[in-house]
Protein backbone atom coordinates (compact mmCIF):
# COMPACT_ATOMS: atom_id res chain seq x y z
CA LYS A 1 187.04 -62.32 79.57
CA LYS A 2 187.88 -59.47 81.86
CA THR A 3 184.69 -57.46 83.75
CA ASN A 4 185.06 -54.17 85.79
CA LEU A 5 181.79 -55.33 87.19
CA ASN A 6 182.16 -56.51 90.97
CA PRO A 7 179.69 -59.87 91.94
CA VAL A 8 176.57 -58.09 92.67
CA GLN A 9 176.64 -56.15 89.62
CA LEU A 10 177.56 -59.07 87.46
CA ALA A 11 174.55 -61.07 89.14
CA ALA A 12 172.34 -57.90 88.34
CA VAL A 13 173.40 -58.35 84.61
CA GLU A 14 172.71 -62.04 84.51
CA LEU A 15 169.24 -61.49 85.91
CA ILE A 16 168.80 -58.08 83.13
CA GLN A 17 170.09 -60.68 80.47
CA ASP A 18 167.82 -63.56 81.95
CA ASP A 19 164.80 -60.98 81.46
CA MET A 20 165.24 -59.67 77.82
CA ARG A 21 165.86 -63.44 76.58
CA PHE A 22 162.36 -63.89 78.17
CA LEU A 23 160.86 -60.71 76.66
CA TYR A 24 162.45 -61.95 73.08
CA THR A 25 161.07 -65.57 73.72
CA LEU A 26 157.26 -63.91 73.92
CA VAL A 27 158.14 -61.70 70.83
CA ALA A 28 159.14 -64.52 68.97
CA ASN A 29 156.11 -66.85 69.83
CA ARG A 30 153.69 -63.86 69.45
CA ASN A 31 151.85 -65.63 67.22
CA LYS A 32 150.98 -67.91 69.79
CA ILE A 33 149.98 -65.60 72.59
CA MET A 34 146.62 -65.27 73.66
CA ALA A 35 145.95 -61.03 73.80
CA THR A 36 144.85 -61.37 77.13
CA TYR A 37 148.29 -62.95 78.27
CA TRP A 38 149.93 -59.67 76.81
CA ILE A 39 147.53 -57.89 79.08
CA GLU A 40 148.49 -59.47 81.84
CA LEU A 41 152.25 -59.83 81.57
CA SER A 42 152.27 -55.21 81.06
CA PRO A 43 152.79 -54.95 84.64
CA TYR A 44 155.73 -57.70 84.44
CA ILE A 45 157.21 -56.25 80.89
CA GLY A 46 156.83 -52.99 82.31
CA LEU A 47 158.91 -53.70 85.72
CA ILE A 48 161.77 -55.45 83.28
CA ILE A 49 162.11 -52.65 80.90
CA ASP A 50 162.20 -49.70 83.34
CA GLY A 51 164.30 -51.77 85.81
CA ALA A 52 166.79 -52.59 83.61
CA GLU A 53 167.11 -48.88 82.62
CA ASP A 54 167.22 -47.67 86.44
CA TRP A 55 169.67 -50.17 86.99
CA ILE A 56 172.16 -49.15 83.83
CA LYS A 57 171.50 -45.17 85.17
CA ALA A 58 172.26 -46.00 88.60
CA TYR A 59 175.84 -47.74 87.55
CA ASN A 60 176.69 -44.81 84.95
CA ASN A 61 176.36 -42.83 88.00
CA SER A 62 178.50 -44.86 90.34
CA SER A 63 181.30 -46.04 87.71
CA LYS A 64 183.86 -44.48 85.33
CA ASN A 65 183.10 -46.73 82.74
CA LYS A 66 180.10 -46.08 81.44
CA ILE A 67 177.75 -48.36 79.68
CA ASN A 68 176.63 -46.48 76.55
CA ILE A 69 172.69 -47.31 75.61
CA PRO A 70 170.03 -44.46 74.19
CA LEU A 71 167.64 -44.02 76.91
CA PHE A 72 164.20 -43.01 77.33
CA ASN A 73 163.19 -40.39 76.17
CA HIS A 74 160.42 -38.25 78.92
CA GLU A 75 157.32 -39.84 77.28
CA GLN A 76 158.56 -43.52 77.44
CA GLU A 77 159.66 -43.62 81.25
CA ILE A 78 156.15 -42.39 82.04
CA TYR A 79 154.80 -45.02 80.17
CA TYR A 80 157.16 -48.00 81.83
CA GLU A 81 156.86 -45.99 84.97
CA ILE A 82 152.64 -46.59 84.71
CA MET A 83 153.26 -50.10 83.49
CA ARG A 84 155.51 -51.05 86.33
CA SER A 85 153.06 -48.97 88.81
CA ALA A 86 150.65 -51.79 87.93
CA ALA A 87 152.23 -54.44 88.93
CA LYS A 88 152.40 -52.68 92.46
CA MET A 89 148.49 -53.12 92.43
CA TRP A 90 147.85 -49.13 90.95
CA GLY A 91 148.79 -47.82 94.07
CA TYR A 92 145.93 -49.35 96.21
CA GLY A 93 146.53 -51.94 99.21
CA LEU A 94 144.86 -55.40 98.63
CA GLU A 95 141.40 -54.59 100.41
CA GLU A 96 141.05 -51.32 98.47
CA LEU A 97 141.75 -52.90 95.21
CA TYR A 98 139.39 -55.79 96.14
CA ASP A 99 136.12 -53.40 97.11
CA LEU A 100 136.89 -51.50 93.71
CA LEU A 101 137.46 -54.51 91.73
CA TYR A 102 134.36 -56.06 92.89
CA GLU A 103 132.34 -52.49 92.84
CA ARG A 104 132.99 -52.96 89.04
CA TYR A 105 132.10 -56.50 88.92
CA LEU A 106 128.90 -55.78 90.32
CA GLU A 107 128.75 -52.94 88.15
CA SER A 108 129.49 -55.14 84.87
CA GLU A 109 126.85 -58.43 86.02
CA VAL A 110 124.24 -55.83 86.48
CA TYR A 111 125.06 -54.54 82.40
CA PHE A 112 125.91 -57.68 80.82
CA GLY A 113 123.25 -59.46 82.66
CA GLY A 114 120.89 -56.57 81.02
CA LEU A 115 121.86 -58.22 77.85
CA CYS A 116 120.42 -61.14 78.49
CA LYS A 117 116.82 -63.05 78.27
CA LYS A 118 115.55 -64.06 81.75
CA ILE A 119 116.50 -67.88 81.39
CA THR A 120 120.00 -67.10 80.44
CA LYS A 121 119.93 -64.45 83.55
CA TYR A 122 118.45 -66.75 85.54
CA LEU A 123 121.24 -69.80 84.90
CA HIS A 124 123.64 -67.74 85.09
CA HIS A 125 124.99 -68.60 81.30
CA TYR A 126 126.88 -65.23 80.79
CA ASP A 127 130.49 -63.99 82.13
CA THR A 128 130.86 -60.46 83.42
CA ILE A 129 134.42 -59.79 81.61
CA GLY A 130 134.32 -56.16 81.70
CA VAL A 131 135.81 -55.67 84.35
CA PHE A 132 138.87 -57.88 82.76
CA PHE A 133 139.35 -55.56 80.14
């Protein structure tokens, strides 16, 4: 099949197709996937979706042969940009992010520890999952 794409563009399209197959597999198997996995995947999903649309926009801006697909509206662009930025640790450096999450962990520890009986707290038989959610 003849294409107007150069080798770099062809490679980019193949990578986008691989990412879309991954998303399709997730959706097709959604009943087998835990909810926490979806939360963890959100930044990656945003990265895939936002990156694919950015590539299509860049291609359309530089080529006479356009890829005609619907693009995101402003609200959708903001949504996927936020998801994508989560992959960049919410704009924090690693040490800042660690400090922020550790502070939230300690707050969660005080809260969940306060809900327990003294023996449970002493043995630390509870989880501080509040930071994750």
